[in-house]
Amino acid sequence: MGGMPEQIRGASLNTAEAIELVETLAFLCDWFAGTDHAMLAASLARFVGTDGYDLVELQADLARFSFLLGGDAPVADDQQ
């Protein structure tokens, strides 16, 4: 983040903005886990271009980010 402009580094979200972002992240996680999971996983693999990051990891990252913004705690796939 060293190259990030000062106005972004010092940015903050109000409660309404944080809630909207949490809802958007939850929407994406639900979509990724849905019936198109295999197609989305293949698309992400093509986009990333390496085996180092997959859809499950992306879902976990988005769930963690959502939690840090005040969303529900991430739930492991086997606990849903």
C-alpha atoms as a PDB file:
ATOM      1  CA  MET A   1       0.000   0.000   0.000  1.00  0.00           C
ATOM      2  CA  GLY A   2       3.023   2.252  -0.060  1.00  0.00           C
ATOM      3  CA  GLY A   3       2.010   3.725  -3.430  1.00  0.00           C
ATOM      4  CA  MET A   4      -1.499   4.581  -2.270  1.00  0.00           C
ATOM      5  CA  PRO A   5      -2.438   8.279  -2.432  1.00  0.00           C
ATOM      6  CA  GLU A   6      -2.878  10.010   0.934  1.00  0.00           C
ATOM      7  CA  GLN A   7      -6.602  10.654   0.420  1.00  0.00           C
ATOM      8  CA  ILE A   8      -7.202   6.892   0.104  1.00  0.00           C
ATOM      9  CA  ARG A   9      -4.918   5.873   2.974  1.00  0.00           C
ATOM     10  CA  GLY A  10      -6.764   8.185   5.352  1.00  0.00           C
ATOM     11  CA  ALA A  11     -10.247   7.331   4.055  1.00  0.00           C
ATOM     12  CA  SER A  12     -13.001   6.164   6.357  1.00  0.00           C
ATOM     13  CA  LEU A  13     -16.463   4.717   5.911  1.00  0.00           C
ATOM     14  CA  ASN A  14     -19.585   5.835   7.670  1.00  0.00           C
ATOM     15  CA  THR A  15     -21.926   3.167   9.040  1.00  0.00           C
ATOM     16  CA  ALA A  16     -24.254   3.173   6.028  1.00  0.00           C
ATOM     17  CA  GLU A  17     -21.329   2.761   3.624  1.00  0.00           C
ATOM     18  CA  ALA A  18     -19.857  -0.073   5.700  1.00  0.00           C
ATOM     19  CA  ILE A  19     -23.227  -1.861   5.783  1.00  0.00           C
ATOM     20  CA  GLU A  20     -23.587  -1.536   2.016  1.00  0.00           C
ATOM     21  CA  LEU A  21     -20.088  -2.907   1.470  1.00  0.00           C
ATOM     22  CA  VAL A  22     -20.749  -5.834   3.854  1.00  0.00           C
ATOM     23  CA  GLU A  23     -23.980  -6.625   1.966  1.00  0.00           C
ATOM     24  CA  THR A  24     -22.159  -6.511  -1.374  1.00  0.00           C
ATOM     25  CA  LEU A  25     -19.424  -8.827  -0.094  1.00  0.00           C
ATOM     26  CA  ALA A  26     -22.057 -11.250   1.253  1.00  0.00           C
ATOM     27  CA  PHE A  27     -23.843 -11.177  -2.115  1.00  0.00           C
ATOM     28  CA  LEU A  28     -20.604 -12.059  -3.910  1.00  0.00           C
ATOM     29  CA  CYS A  29     -19.804 -14.871  -1.472  1.00  0.00           C
ATOM     30  CA  ASP A  30     -23.295 -16.332  -1.931  1.00  0.00           C
ATOM     31  CA  TRP A  31     -22.979 -16.099  -5.715  1.00  0.00           C
ATOM     32  CA  PHE A  32     -19.560 -17.774  -5.674  1.00  0.00           C
ATOM     33  CA  ALA A  33     -20.977 -20.634  -3.572  1.00  0.00           C
ATOM     34  CA  GLY A  34     -24.028 -21.113  -5.807  1.00  0.00           C
ATOM     35  CA  THR A  35     -24.782 -23.339  -8.760  1.00  0.00           C
ATOM     36  CA  ASP A  36     -22.230 -21.588 -11.014  1.00  0.00           C
ATOM     37  CA  HIS A  37     -19.339 -22.305  -8.616  1.00  0.00           C
ATOM     38  CA  ALA A  38     -17.393 -24.491 -11.062  1.00  0.00           C
ATOM     39  CA  MET A  39     -17.741 -21.997 -13.914  1.00  0.00           C
ATOM     40  CA  LEU A  40     -16.727 -19.072 -11.689  1.00  0.00           C
ATOM     41  CA  ALA A  41     -13.770 -21.037 -10.286  1.00  0.00           C
ATOM     42  CA  ALA A  42     -12.541 -21.781 -13.815  1.00  0.00           C
ATOM     43  CA  SER A  43     -12.967 -18.136 -14.818  1.00  0.00           C
ATOM     44  CA  LEU A  44     -11.016 -16.933 -11.775  1.00  0.00           C
ATOM     45  CA  ALA A  45      -8.250 -19.464 -12.505  1.00  0.00           C
ATOM     46  CA  ARG A  46      -7.944 -18.117 -16.059  1.00  0.00           C
ATOM     47  CA  PHE A  47      -7.921 -14.533 -14.775  1.00  0.00           C
ATOM     48  CA  VAL A  48      -5.309 -15.185 -12.067  1.00  0.00           C
ATOM     49  CA  GLY A  49      -3.207 -17.298 -14.418  1.00  0.00           C
ATOM     50  CA  THR A  50      -1.680 -19.418 -11.674  1.00  0.00           C
ATOM     51  CA  ASP A  51      -2.691 -22.061  -9.151  1.00  0.00           C
ATOM     52  CA  GLY A  52      -1.766 -19.783  -6.243  1.00  0.00           C
ATOM     53  CA  TYR A  53      -5.251 -18.357  -5.619  1.00  0.00           C
ATOM     54  CA  ASP A  54      -8.621 -19.997  -6.072  1.00  0.00           C
ATOM     55  CA  LEU A  55     -12.305 -19.261  -5.559  1.00  0.00           C
ATOM     56  CA  VAL A  56     -12.395 -20.820  -2.087  1.00  0.00           C
ATOM     57  CA  GLU A  57      -9.563 -18.532  -0.981  1.00  0.00           C
ATOM     58  CA  LEU A  58     -11.297 -15.518  -2.536  1.00  0.00           C
ATOM     59  CA  GLN A  59     -14.516 -16.402  -0.688  1.00  0.00           C
ATOM     60  CA  ALA A  60     -12.581 -16.666   2.587  1.00  0.00           C
ATOM     61  CA  ASP A  61     -10.870 -13.316   1.973  1.00  0.00           C
ATOM     62  CA  LEU A  62     -14.185 -11.599   1.207  1.00  0.00           C
ATOM     63  CA  ALA A  63     -15.825 -13.155   4.285  1.00  0.00           C
ATOM     64  CA  ARG A  64     -12.944 -11.992   6.480  1.00  0.00           C
ATOM     65  CA  PHE A  65     -13.077  -8.478   5.029  1.00  0.00           C
ATOM     66  CA  SER A  66     -16.832  -8.407   5.611  1.00  0.00           C
ATOM     67  CA  PHE A  67     -16.295  -9.496   9.220  1.00  0.00           C
ATOM     68  CA  LEU A  68     -13.698  -6.756   9.746  1.00  0.00           C
ATOM     69  CA  LEU A  69     -16.287  -4.236   8.535  1.00  0.00           C
ATOM     70  CA  GLY A  70     -18.798  -5.479  11.093  1.00  0.00           C
ATOM     71  CA  GLY A  71     -20.496  -8.316   9.204  1.00  0.00           C
ATOM     72  CA  ASP A  72     -21.193 -11.777  10.560  1.00  0.00           C
ATOM     73  CA  ALA A  73     -18.264 -13.986  11.474  1.00  0.00           C
ATOM     74  CA  PRO A  74     -17.075 -16.143   8.568  1.00  0.00           C
ATOM     75  CA  VAL A  75     -18.522 -19.659   8.634  1.00  0.00           C
ATOM     76  CA  ALA A  76     -16.552 -22.626   7.349  1.00  0.00           C
ATOM     77  CA  ASP A  77     -18.173 -24.491   4.435  1.00  0.00           C
ATOM     78  CA  ASP A  78     -18.693 -27.585   6.574  1.00  0.00           C
ATOM     79  CA  GLN A  79     -20.643 -25.565   9.191  1.00  0.00           C
ATOM     80  CA  GLN A  80     -23.226 -24.045   6.813  1.00  0.00           C
END
